Amino acid sequence: EQINQAHESKNALKTIKAEISNLLDIWTNRLGAFNACTMALVVVEGKFEGETAEKISIRLPEPISEMENTKSSAQTVQNEIDIQITKLDAYIAELEEEKSALYAQLAAI
């Protein structure tokens, strides 16, 4: 029973990690596309754009920084999931060993 629960937990973690990976790929692609876009350069030299472009260029670094922080946090969560999967694998192996030892004791009776 515990072995099955551990496998189910491991599979659930793998599913969550895959979902995070997929969303992180989308997030990274969109962030990269934004940074590569000509619109990322808010103030265009040699063109009169009024005050708005300058105001936006002052505010823009903060959201980009927040987006980078979100990306970093998602990567940290992925790493933590990997750690938990590794721990579950060790736990499953331990339970399997205990199970085998119990079967060996039963066979010796």
PDB file of N, CA and C in Angstrom:
ATOM      1  N   GLU A   1       0.835  -1.205   0.000  1.00  0.00           N
ATOM      2  CA  GLU A   1       0.000   0.000   0.000  1.00  0.00           C
ATOM      3  C   GLU A   1       0.875   1.262   0.000  1.00  0.00           C
ATOM      4  N   GLN A   2       1.862   1.304   0.884  1.00  0.00           N
ATOM      5  CA  GLN A   2       2.742   2.478   0.946  1.00  0.00           C
ATOM      6  C   GLN A   2       3.548   2.639  -0.336  1.00  0.00           C
ATOM      7  N   ILE A   3       3.933   1.506  -0.908  1.00  0.00           N
ATOM      8  CA  ILE A   3       4.695   1.560  -2.165  1.00  0.00           C
ATOM      9  C   ILE A   3       3.828   2.162  -3.264  1.00  0.00           C
ATOM     10  N   ASN A   4       2.571   1.740  -3.342  1.00  0.00           N
ATOM     11  CA  ASN A   4       1.653   2.292  -4.348  1.00  0.00           C
ATOM     12  C   ASN A   4       1.435   3.783  -4.136  1.00  0.00           C
ATOM     13  N   GLN A   5       1.269   4.188  -2.896  1.00  0.00           N
ATOM     14  CA  GLN A   5       1.081   5.608  -2.596  1.00  0.00           C
ATOM     15  C   GLN A   5       2.315   6.412  -2.986  1.00  0.00           C
ATOM     16  N   ALA A   6       3.487   5.863  -2.721  1.00  0.00           N
ATOM     17  CA  ALA A   6       4.728   6.550  -3.085  1.00  0.00           C
ATOM     18  C   ALA A   6       4.840   6.688  -4.602  1.00  0.00           C
ATOM     19  N   HIS A   7       4.482   5.618  -5.326  1.00  0.00           N
ATOM     20  CA  HIS A   7       4.495   5.691  -6.798  1.00  0.00           C
ATOM     21  C   HIS A   7       3.478   6.726  -7.306  1.00  0.00           C
ATOM     22  N   GLU A   8       2.300   6.750  -6.710  1.00  0.00           N
ATOM     23  CA  GLU A   8       1.282   7.725  -7.112  1.00  0.00           C
ATOM     24  C   GLU A   8       1.764   9.150  -6.850  1.00  0.00           C
ATOM     25  N   SER A   9       2.388   9.351  -5.701  1.00  0.00           N
ATOM     26  CA  SER A   9       2.919  10.682  -5.372  1.00  0.00           C
ATOM     27  C   SER A   9       4.000  11.079  -6.364  1.00  0.00           C
ATOM     28  N   LYS A  10       4.875  10.144  -6.675  1.00  0.00           N
ATOM     29  CA  LYS A  10       5.953  10.404  -7.635  1.00  0.00           C
ATOM     30  C   LYS A  10       5.381  10.767  -9.004  1.00  0.00           C
ATOM     31  N   ASN A  11       4.374  10.001  -9.448  1.00  0.00           N
ATOM     32  CA  ASN A  11       3.750  10.288 -10.745  1.00  0.00           C
ATOM     33  C   ASN A  11       3.054  11.645 -10.746  1.00  0.00           C
ATOM     34  N   ALA A  12       2.414  11.985  -9.630  1.00  0.00           N
ATOM     35  CA  ALA A  12       1.763  13.297  -9.525  1.00  0.00           C
ATOM     36  C   ALA A  12       2.803  14.415  -9.600  1.00  0.00           C
ATOM     37  N   LEU A  13       3.929  14.219  -8.920  1.00  0.00           N
ATOM     38  CA  LEU A  13       4.999  15.226  -8.974  1.00  0.00           C
ATOM     39  C   LEU A  13       5.563  15.366 -10.390  1.00  0.00           C
ATOM     40  N   LYS A  14       5.708  14.244 -11.075  1.00  0.00           N
ATOM     41  CA  LYS A  14       6.204  14.297 -12.456  1.00  0.00           C
ATOM     42  C   LYS A  14       5.231  15.057 -13.363  1.00  0.00           C
ATOM     43  N   THR A  15       3.938  14.845 -13.140  1.00  0.00           N
ATOM     44  CA  THR A  15       2.923  15.555 -13.923  1.00  0.00           C
ATOM     45  C   THR A  15       2.988  17.052 -13.655  1.00  0.00           C
ATOM     46  N   ILE A  16       3.101  17.415 -12.380  1.00  0.00           N
ATOM     47  CA  ILE A  16       3.190  18.829 -12.009  1.00  0.00           C
ATOM     48  C   ILE A  16       4.442  19.449 -12.609  1.00  0.00           C
ATOM     49  N   LYS A  17       5.563  18.726 -12.539  1.00  0.00           N
ATOM     50  CA  LYS A  17       6.815  19.244 -13.091  1.00  0.00           C
ATOM     51  C   LYS A  17       6.687  19.457 -14.594  1.00  0.00           C
ATOM     52  N   ALA A  18       6.036  18.524 -15.287  1.00  0.00           N
ATOM     53  CA  ALA A  18       5.849  18.657 -16.730  1.00  0.00           C
ATOM     54  C   ALA A  18       4.992  19.884 -17.055  1.00  0.00           C
ATOM     55  N   GLU A  19       3.951  20.104 -16.255  1.00  0.00           N
ATOM     56  CA  GLU A  19       3.102  21.284 -16.459  1.00  0.00           C
ATOM     57  C   GLU A  19       3.899  22.571 -16.229  1.00  0.00           C
ATOM     58  N   ILE A  20       4.706  22.583 -15.170  1.00  0.00           N
ATOM     59  CA  ILE A  20       5.533  23.760 -14.894  1.00  0.00           C
ATOM     60  C   ILE A  20       6.533  23.977 -16.025  1.00  0.00           C
ATOM     61  N   SER A  21       7.143  22.899 -16.501  1.00  0.00           N
ATOM     62  CA  SER A  21       8.109  22.997 -17.603  1.00  0.00           C
ATOM     63  C   SER A  21       7.463  23.579 -18.847  1.00  0.00           C
ATOM     64  N   ASN A  22       6.269  23.094 -19.150  1.00  0.00           N
ATOM     65  CA  ASN A  22       5.548  23.593 -20.319  1.00  0.00           C
ATOM     66  C   ASN A  22       5.238  25.080 -20.177  1.00  0.00           C
ATOM     67  N   LEU A  23       4.706  25.469 -19.019  1.00  0.00           N
ATOM     68  CA  LEU A  23       4.375  26.870 -18.794  1.00  0.00           C
ATOM     69  C   LEU A  23       5.630  27.739 -18.746  1.00  0.00           C
ATOM     70  N   LEU A  24       6.697  27.198 -18.194  1.00  0.00           N
ATOM     71  CA  LEU A  24       7.956  27.942 -18.141  1.00  0.00           C
ATOM     72  C   LEU A  24       8.526  28.162 -19.532  1.00  0.00           C
ATOM     73  N   ASP A  25       8.393  27.160 -20.397  1.00  0.00           N
ATOM     74  CA  ASP A  25       8.836  27.320 -21.792  1.00  0.00           C
ATOM     75  C   ASP A  25       8.048  28.433 -22.475  1.00  0.00           C
ATOM     76  N   ILE A  26       6.735  28.443 -22.269  1.00  0.00           N
ATOM     77  CA  ILE A  26       5.889  29.490 -22.854  1.00  0.00           C
ATOM     78  C   ILE A  26       6.306  30.855 -22.305  1.00  0.00           C
ATOM     79  N   TRP A  27       6.485  30.913 -20.980  1.00  0.00           N
ATOM     80  CA  TRP A  27       6.879  32.163 -20.308  1.00  0.00           C
ATOM     81  C   TRP A  27       8.213  32.664 -20.860  1.00  0.00           C
ATOM     82  N   THR A  28       9.180  31.758 -20.977  1.00  0.00           N
ATOM     83  CA  THR A  28      10.522  32.122 -21.455  1.00  0.00           C
ATOM     84  C   THR A  28      10.467  32.589 -22.903  1.00  0.00           C
ATOM     85  N   ASN A  29       9.690  31.892 -23.730  1.00  0.00           N
ATOM     86  CA  ASN A  29       9.563  32.296 -25.137  1.00  0.00           C
ATOM     87  C   ASN A  29       8.938  33.677 -25.268  1.00  0.00           C
ATOM     88  N   ARG A  30       7.912  33.925 -24.480  1.00  0.00           N
ATOM     89  CA  ARG A  30       7.252  35.228 -24.559  1.00  0.00           C
ATOM     90  C   ARG A  30       8.140  36.338 -24.019  1.00  0.00           C
ATOM     91  N   LEU A  31       8.860  36.050 -22.958  1.00  0.00           N
ATOM     92  CA  LEU A  31       9.781  37.038 -22.413  1.00  0.00           C
ATOM     93  C   LEU A  31      10.895  37.317 -23.413  1.00  0.00           C
ATOM     94  N   GLY A  32      11.410  36.261 -24.033  1.00  0.00           N
ATOM     95  CA  GLY A  32      12.448  36.427 -25.049  1.00  0.00           C
ATOM     96  C   GLY A  32      11.938  37.196 -26.253  1.00  0.00           C
ATOM     97  N   ALA A  33      10.722  36.898 -26.676  1.00  0.00           N
ATOM     98  CA  ALA A  33      10.131  37.606 -27.809  1.00  0.00           C
ATOM     99  C   ALA A  33       9.945  39.083 -27.468  1.00  0.00           C
ATOM    100  N   PHE A  34       9.543  39.360 -26.250  1.00  0.00           N
ATOM    101  CA  PHE A  34       9.371  40.751 -25.833  1.00  0.00           C
ATOM    102  C   PHE A  34      10.711  41.476 -25.834  1.00  0.00           C
ATOM    103  N   ASN A  35      11.730  40.836 -25.276  1.00  0.00           N
ATOM    104  CA  ASN A  35      13.046  41.469 -25.215  1.00  0.00           C
ATOM    105  C   ASN A  35      13.649  41.676 -26.599  1.00  0.00           C
ATOM    106  N   ALA A  36      13.318  40.791 -27.554  1.00  0.00           N
ATOM    107  CA  ALA A  36      13.853  40.898 -28.909  1.00  0.00           C
ATOM    108  C   ALA A  36      13.030  41.835 -29.787  1.00  0.00           C
ATOM    109  N   CYS A  37      11.835  42.148 -29.353  1.00  0.00           N
ATOM    110  CA  CYS A  37      10.921  42.982 -30.136  1.00  0.00           C
ATOM    111  C   CYS A  37      11.438  44.416 -30.217  1.00  0.00           C
ATOM    112  N   THR A  38      11.195  45.058 -31.347  1.00  0.00           N
ATOM    113  CA  THR A  38      11.602  46.455 -31.494  1.00  0.00           C
ATOM    114  C   THR A  38      10.851  47.346 -30.518  1.00  0.00           C
ATOM    115  N   MET A  39       9.686  46.892 -30.055  1.00  0.00           N
ATOM    116  CA  MET A  39       8.919  47.685 -29.104  1.00  0.00           C
ATOM    117  C   MET A  39       9.542  47.653 -27.710  1.00  0.00           C
ATOM    118  N   ALA A  40      10.457  46.691 -27.476  1.00  0.00           N
ATOM    119  CA  ALA A  40      11.119  46.630 -26.175  1.00  0.00           C
ATOM    120  C   ALA A  40      11.940  47.894 -25.954  1.00  0.00           C
ATOM    121  N   LEU A  41      12.438  48.436 -27.059  1.00  0.00           N
ATOM    122  CA  LEU A  41      13.109  49.725 -26.987  1.00  0.00           C
ATOM    123  C   LEU A  41      12.019  50.783 -27.013  1.00  0.00           C
ATOM    124  N   VAL A  42      11.647  51.257 -25.866  1.00  0.00           N
ATOM    125  CA  VAL A  42      10.505  52.162 -25.786  1.00  0.00           C
ATOM    126  C   VAL A  42      10.823  53.511 -26.405  1.00  0.00           C
ATOM    127  N   VAL A  43      11.961  54.061 -26.078  1.00  0.00           N
ATOM    128  CA  VAL A  43      12.340  55.368 -26.611  1.00  0.00           C
ATOM    129  C   VAL A  43      13.206  55.134 -27.833  1.00  0.00           C
ATOM    130  N   VAL A  44      12.751  55.610 -28.982  1.00  0.00           N
ATOM    131  CA  VAL A  44      13.492  55.480 -30.227  1.00  0.00           C
ATOM    132  C   VAL A  44      14.231  56.793 -30.456  1.00  0.00           C
ATOM    133  N   GLU A  45      15.552  56.670 -30.587  1.00  0.00           N
ATOM    134  CA  GLU A  45      16.381  57.862 -30.779  1.00  0.00           C
ATOM    135  C   GLU A  45      16.026  58.555 -32.098  1.00  0.00           C
ATOM    136  N   GLY A  46      16.027  59.867 -32.071  1.00  0.00           N
ATOM    137  CA  GLY A  46      15.801  60.655 -33.276  1.00  0.00           C
ATOM    138  C   GLY A  46      14.340  60.793 -33.670  1.00  0.00           C
ATOM    139  N   LYS A  47      13.435  60.331 -32.832  1.00  0.00           N
ATOM    140  CA  LYS A  47      12.008  60.462 -33.129  1.00  0.00           C
ATOM    141  C   LYS A  47      11.335  61.137 -31.959  1.00  0.00           C
ATOM    142  N   PHE A  48      10.406  62.017 -32.276  1.00  0.00           N
ATOM    143  CA  PHE A  48       9.647  62.659 -31.219  1.00  0.00           C
ATOM    144  C   PHE A  48       8.489  61.742 -30.852  1.00  0.00           C
ATOM    145  N   GLU A  49       8.463  61.339 -29.587  1.00  0.00           N
ATOM    146  CA  GLU A  49       7.434  60.417 -29.136  1.00  0.00           C
ATOM    147  C   GLU A  49       6.613  60.994 -27.995  1.00  0.00           C
ATOM    148  N   GLY A  50       6.894  62.206 -27.638  1.00  0.00           N
ATOM    149  CA  GLY A  50       6.174  62.804 -26.526  1.00  0.00           C
ATOM    150  C   GLY A  50       6.695  62.278 -25.201  1.00  0.00           C
ATOM    151  N   GLU A  51       5.962  62.551 -24.141  1.00  0.00           N
ATOM    152  CA  GLU A  51       6.400  62.159 -22.798  1.00  0.00           C
ATOM    153  C   GLU A  51       6.104  60.699 -22.476  1.00  0.00           C
ATOM    154  N   THR A  52       5.162  60.114 -23.153  1.00  0.00           N
ATOM    155  CA  THR A  52       4.706  58.767 -22.821  1.00  0.00           C
ATOM    156  C   THR A  52       5.821  57.736 -22.948  1.00  0.00           C
ATOM    157  N   ALA A  53       6.576  57.768 -24.036  1.00  0.00           N
ATOM    158  CA  ALA A  53       7.634  56.777 -24.242  1.00  0.00           C
ATOM    159  C   ALA A  53       8.657  56.845 -23.117  1.00  0.00           C
ATOM    160  N   GLU A  54       9.000  58.050 -22.708  1.00  0.00           N
ATOM    161  CA  GLU A  54       9.977  58.187 -21.626  1.00  0.00           C
ATOM    162  C   GLU A  54       9.413  57.679 -20.306  1.00  0.00           C
ATOM    163  N   LYS A  55       8.144  57.949 -20.028  1.00  0.00           N
ATOM    164  CA  LYS A  55       7.512  57.452 -18.799  1.00  0.00           C
ATOM    165  C   LYS A  55       7.480  55.920 -18.786  1.00  0.00           C
ATOM    166  N   ILE A  56       7.133  55.347 -19.930  1.00  0.00           N
ATOM    167  CA  ILE A  56       7.089  53.889 -20.019  1.00  0.00           C
ATOM    168  C   ILE A  56       8.482  53.301 -19.844  1.00  0.00           C
ATOM    169  N   SER A  57       9.479  53.923 -20.454  1.00  0.00           N
ATOM    170  CA  SER A  57      10.842  53.391 -20.364  1.00  0.00           C
ATOM    171  C   SER A  57      11.353  53.416 -18.929  1.00  0.00           C
ATOM    172  N   ILE A  58      10.860  54.348 -18.127  1.00  0.00           N
ATOM    173  CA  ILE A  58      11.255  54.418 -16.720  1.00  0.00           C
ATOM    174  C   ILE A  58      10.586  53.289 -15.929  1.00  0.00           C
ATOM    175  N   ARG A  59       9.342  52.976 -16.262  1.00  0.00           N
ATOM    176  CA  ARG A  59       8.583  51.945 -15.530  1.00  0.00           C
ATOM    177  C   ARG A  59       8.857  50.526 -16.021  1.00  0.00           C
ATOM    178  N   LEU A  60       9.333  50.367 -17.227  1.00  0.00           N
ATOM    179  CA  LEU A  60       9.479  49.054 -17.851  1.00  0.00           C
ATOM    180  C   LEU A  60      10.451  48.106 -17.144  1.00  0.00           C
ATOM    181  N   PRO A  61      11.593  48.553 -16.650  1.00  0.00           N
ATOM    182  CA  PRO A  61      12.519  47.592 -16.033  1.00  0.00           C
ATOM    183  C   PRO A  61      11.923  46.815 -14.854  1.00  0.00           C
ATOM    184  N   GLU A  62      11.037  47.418 -14.091  1.00  0.00           N
ATOM    185  CA  GLU A  62      10.461  46.720 -12.933  1.00  0.00           C
ATOM    186  C   GLU A  62       9.634  45.501 -13.342  1.00  0.00           C
ATOM    187  N   PRO A  63       8.682  45.626 -14.287  1.00  0.00           N
ATOM    188  CA  PRO A  63       7.933  44.422 -14.690  1.00  0.00           C
ATOM    189  C   PRO A  63       8.821  43.349 -15.320  1.00  0.00           C
ATOM    190  N   ILE A  64       9.819  43.770 -16.093  1.00  0.00           N
ATOM    191  CA  ILE A  64      10.722  42.796 -16.698  1.00  0.00           C
ATOM    192  C   ILE A  64      11.485  42.062 -15.605  1.00  0.00           C
ATOM    193  N   SER A  65      11.931  42.793 -14.598  1.00  0.00           N
ATOM    194  CA  SER A  65      12.624  42.185 -13.463  1.00  0.00           C
ATOM    195  C   SER A  65      11.702  41.200 -12.734  1.00  0.00           C
ATOM    196  N   GLU A  66      10.447  41.577 -12.566  1.00  0.00           N
ATOM    197  CA  GLU A  66       9.475  40.685 -11.921  1.00  0.00           C
ATOM    198  C   GLU A  66       9.256  39.426 -12.756  1.00  0.00           C
ATOM    199  N   MET A  67       9.220  39.583 -14.074  1.00  0.00           N
ATOM    200  CA  MET A  67       9.062  38.425 -14.955  1.00  0.00           C
ATOM    201  C   MET A  67      10.264  37.489 -14.830  1.00  0.00           C
ATOM    202  N   GLU A  68      11.459  38.055 -14.765  1.00  0.00           N
ATOM    203  CA  GLU A  68      12.667  37.247 -14.600  1.00  0.00           C
ATOM    204  C   GLU A  68      12.657  36.539 -13.243  1.00  0.00           C
ATOM    205  N   ASN A  69      12.195  37.234 -12.207  1.00  0.00           N
ATOM    206  CA  ASN A  69      12.100  36.626 -10.880  1.00  0.00           C
ATOM    207  C   ASN A  69      11.100  35.476 -10.869  1.00  0.00           C
ATOM    208  N   THR A  70       9.980  35.659 -11.565  1.00  0.00           N
ATOM    209  CA  THR A  70       8.973  34.597 -11.661  1.00  0.00           C
ATOM    210  C   THR A  70       9.564  33.380 -12.365  1.00  0.00           C
ATOM    211  N   LYS A  71      10.294  33.624 -13.430  1.00  0.00           N
ATOM    212  CA  LYS A  71      10.948  32.535 -14.161  1.00  0.00           C
ATOM    213  C   LYS A  71      11.923  31.797 -13.244  1.00  0.00           C
ATOM    214  N   SER A  72      12.712  32.540 -12.507  1.00  0.00           N
ATOM    215  CA  SER A  72      13.674  31.945 -11.581  1.00  0.00           C
ATOM    216  C   SER A  72      12.969  31.136 -10.495  1.00  0.00           C
ATOM    217  N   SER A  73      11.869  31.662  -9.981  1.00  0.00           N
ATOM    218  CA  SER A  73      11.105  30.946  -8.954  1.00  0.00           C
ATOM    219  C   SER A  73      10.545  29.635  -9.494  1.00  0.00           C
ATOM    220  N   ALA A  74      10.057  29.657 -10.717  1.00  0.00           N
ATOM    221  CA  ALA A  74       9.522  28.437 -11.333  1.00  0.00           C
ATOM    222  C   ALA A  74      10.635  27.401 -11.500  1.00  0.00           C
ATOM    223  N   GLN A  75      11.816  27.853 -11.875  1.00  0.00           N
ATOM    224  CA  GLN A  75      12.944  26.933 -12.010  1.00  0.00           C
ATOM    225  C   GLN A  75      13.334  26.350 -10.651  1.00  0.00           C
ATOM    226  N   THR A  76      13.246  27.154  -9.609  1.00  0.00           N
ATOM    227  CA  THR A  76      13.531  26.673  -8.260  1.00  0.00           C
ATOM    228  C   THR A  76      12.524  25.597  -7.856  1.00  0.00           C
ATOM    229  N   VAL A  77      11.257  25.825  -8.180  1.00  0.00           N
ATOM    230  CA  VAL A  77      10.222  24.831  -7.877  1.00  0.00           C
ATOM    231  C   VAL A  77      10.516  23.532  -8.627  1.00  0.00           C
ATOM    232  N   GLN A  78      10.927  23.636  -9.886  1.00  0.00           N
ATOM    233  CA  GLN A  78      11.280  22.438 -10.650  1.00  0.00           C
ATOM    234  C   GLN A  78      12.403  21.654  -9.956  1.00  0.00           C
ATOM    235  N   ASN A  79      13.404  22.368  -9.495  1.00  0.00           N
ATOM    236  CA  ASN A  79      14.522  21.717  -8.807  1.00  0.00           C
ATOM    237  C   ASN A  79      14.064  21.041  -7.521  1.00  0.00           C
ATOM    238  N   GLU A  80      13.185  21.705  -6.791  1.00  0.00           N
ATOM    239  CA  GLU A  80      12.660  21.120  -5.549  1.00  0.00           C
ATOM    240  C   GLU A  80      11.829  19.868  -5.839  1.00  0.00           C
ATOM    241  N   ILE A  81      11.092  19.884  -6.932  1.00  0.00           N
ATOM    242  CA  ILE A  81      10.318  18.702  -7.327  1.00  0.00           C
ATOM    243  C   ILE A  81      11.266  17.545  -7.633  1.00  0.00           C
ATOM    244  N   ASP A  82      12.363  17.844  -8.335  1.00  0.00           N
ATOM    245  CA  ASP A  82      13.353  16.800  -8.621  1.00  0.00           C
ATOM    246  C   ASP A  82      13.905  16.195  -7.333  1.00  0.00           C
ATOM    247  N   ILE A  83      14.152  17.040  -6.347  1.00  0.00           N
ATOM    248  CA  ILE A  83      14.654  16.563  -5.053  1.00  0.00           C
ATOM    249  C   ILE A  83      13.622  15.639  -4.405  1.00  0.00           C
ATOM    250  N   GLN A  84      12.360  16.033  -4.443  1.00  0.00           N
ATOM    251  CA  GLN A  84      11.307  15.210  -3.847  1.00  0.00           C
ATOM    252  C   GLN A  84      11.158  13.878  -4.584  1.00  0.00           C
ATOM    253  N   ILE A  85      11.284  13.899  -5.894  1.00  0.00           N
ATOM    254  CA  ILE A  85      11.202  12.657  -6.673  1.00  0.00           C
ATOM    255  C   ILE A  85      12.358  11.732  -6.291  1.00  0.00           C
ATOM    256  N   THR A  86      13.548  12.295  -6.139  1.00  0.00           N
ATOM    257  CA  THR A  86      14.706  11.499  -5.728  1.00  0.00           C
ATOM    258  C   THR A  86      14.476  10.880  -4.348  1.00  0.00           C
ATOM    259  N   LYS A  87      13.914  11.670  -3.434  1.00  0.00           N
ATOM    260  CA  LYS A  87      13.621  11.154  -2.091  1.00  0.00           C
ATOM    261  C   LYS A  87      12.561  10.053  -2.149  1.00  0.00           C
ATOM    262  N   LEU A  88      11.555  10.224  -2.995  1.00  0.00           N
ATOM    263  CA  LEU A  88      10.534   9.188  -3.151  1.00  0.00           C
ATOM    264  C   LEU A  88      11.134   7.908  -3.731  1.00  0.00           C
ATOM    265  N   ASP A  89      12.044   8.057  -4.697  1.00  0.00           N
ATOM    266  CA  ASP A  89      12.710   6.879  -5.254  1.00  0.00           C
ATOM    267  C   ASP A  89      13.470   6.118  -4.170  1.00  0.00           C
ATOM    268  N   ALA A  90      14.161   6.858  -3.308  1.00  0.00           N
ATOM    269  CA  ALA A  90      14.900   6.222  -2.209  1.00  0.00           C
ATOM    270  C   ALA A  90      13.936   5.533  -1.248  1.00  0.00           C
ATOM    271  N   TYR A  91      12.824   6.181  -0.954  1.00  0.00           N
ATOM    272  CA  TYR A  91      11.816   5.611  -0.055  1.00  0.00           C
ATOM    273  C   TYR A  91      11.209   4.335  -0.653  1.00  0.00           C
ATOM    274  N   ILE A  92      10.916   4.383  -1.944  1.00  0.00           N
ATOM    275  CA  ILE A  92      10.360   3.208  -2.630  1.00  0.00           C
ATOM    276  C   ILE A  92      11.369   2.056  -2.583  1.00  0.00           C
ATOM    277  N   ALA A  93      12.624   2.357  -2.839  1.00  0.00           N
ATOM    278  CA  ALA A  93      13.659   1.322  -2.808  1.00  0.00           C
ATOM    279  C   ALA A  93      13.770   0.720  -1.405  1.00  0.00           C
ATOM    280  N   GLU A  94      13.680   1.568  -0.395  1.00  0.00           N
ATOM    281  CA  GLU A  94      13.735   1.093   0.998  1.00  0.00           C
ATOM    282  C   GLU A  94      12.545   0.178   1.305  1.00  0.00           C
ATOM    283  N   LEU A  95      11.363   0.587   0.887  1.00  0.00           N
ATOM    284  CA  LEU A  95      10.175  -0.237   1.110  1.00  0.00           C
ATOM    285  C   LEU A  95      10.269  -1.564   0.366  1.00  0.00           C
ATOM    286  N   GLU A  96      10.779  -1.525  -0.855  1.00  0.00           N
ATOM    287  CA  GLU A  96      10.938  -2.752  -1.643  1.00  0.00           C
ATOM    288  C   GLU A  96      11.917  -3.703  -0.952  1.00  0.00           C
ATOM    289  N   GLU A  97      12.989  -3.151  -0.390  1.00  0.00           N
ATOM    290  CA  GLU A  97      13.954  -3.985   0.338  1.00  0.00           C
ATOM    291  C   GLU A  97      13.297  -4.620   1.561  1.00  0.00           C
ATOM    292  N   GLU A  98      12.533  -3.820   2.304  1.00  0.00           N
ATOM    293  CA  GLU A  98      11.829  -4.348   3.482  1.00  0.00           C
ATOM    294  C   GLU A  98      10.853  -5.456   3.076  1.00  0.00           C
ATOM    295  N   LYS A  99      10.154  -5.212   1.984  1.00  0.00           N
ATOM    296  CA  LYS A  99       9.193  -6.193   1.486  1.00  0.00           C
ATOM    297  C   LYS A  99       9.908  -7.502   1.120  1.00  0.00           C
ATOM    298  N   SER A 100      11.025  -7.384   0.427  1.00  0.00           N
ATOM    299  CA  SER A 100      11.797  -8.578   0.031  1.00  0.00           C
ATOM    300  C   SER A 100      12.321  -9.315   1.262  1.00  0.00           C
ATOM    301  N   ALA A 101      12.774  -8.544   2.267  1.00  0.00           N
ATOM    302  CA  ALA A 101      13.275  -9.176   3.493  1.00  0.00           C
ATOM    303  C   ALA A 101      12.158  -9.918   4.218  1.00  0.00           C
ATOM    304  N   LEU A 102      10.968  -9.337   4.233  1.00  0.00           N
ATOM    305  CA  LEU A 102       9.831  -9.995   4.873  1.00  0.00           C
ATOM    306  C   LEU A 102       9.431 -11.259   4.134  1.00  0.00           C
ATOM    307  N   TYR A 103       9.445 -11.217   2.803  1.00  0.00           N
ATOM    308  CA  TYR A 103       9.144 -12.415   2.023  1.00  0.00           C
ATOM    309  C   TYR A 103      10.200 -13.503   2.268  1.00  0.00           C
ATOM    310  N   ALA A 104      11.449 -13.077   2.411  1.00  0.00           N
ATOM    311  CA  ALA A 104      12.517 -14.041   2.674  1.00  0.00           C
ATOM    312  C   ALA A 104      12.307 -14.686   4.046  1.00  0.00           C
ATOM    313  N   GLN A 105      11.912 -13.885   5.033  1.00  0.00           N
ATOM    314  CA  GLN A 105      11.630 -14.431   6.366  1.00  0.00           C
ATOM    315  C   GLN A 105      10.445 -15.396   6.313  1.00  0.00           C
ATOM    316  N   LEU A 106       9.428 -15.028   5.571  1.00  0.00           N
ATOM    317  CA  LEU A 106       8.245 -15.880   5.435  1.00  0.00           C
ATOM    318  C   LEU A 106       8.610 -17.204   4.765  1.00  0.00           C
ATOM    319  N   ALA A 107       9.444 -17.137   3.754  1.00  0.00           N
ATOM    320  CA  ALA A 107       9.849 -18.357   3.047  1.00  0.00           C
ATOM    321  C   ALA A 107      10.697 -19.261   3.940  1.00  0.00           C
ATOM    322  N   ALA A 108      11.406 -18.639   4.889  1.00  0.00           N
ATOM    323  CA  ALA A 108      12.275 -19.425   5.782  1.00  0.00           C
ATOM    324  C   ALA A 108      11.497 -20.140   6.883  1.00  0.00           C
ATOM    325  N   ILE A 109      10.270 -19.775   7.056  1.00  0.00           N
ATOM    326  CA  ILE A 109       9.445 -20.382   8.124  1.00  0.00           C
ATOM    327  C   ILE A 109       9.007 -21.762   7.754  1.00  0.00           C
TER     328      ILE A 109
END
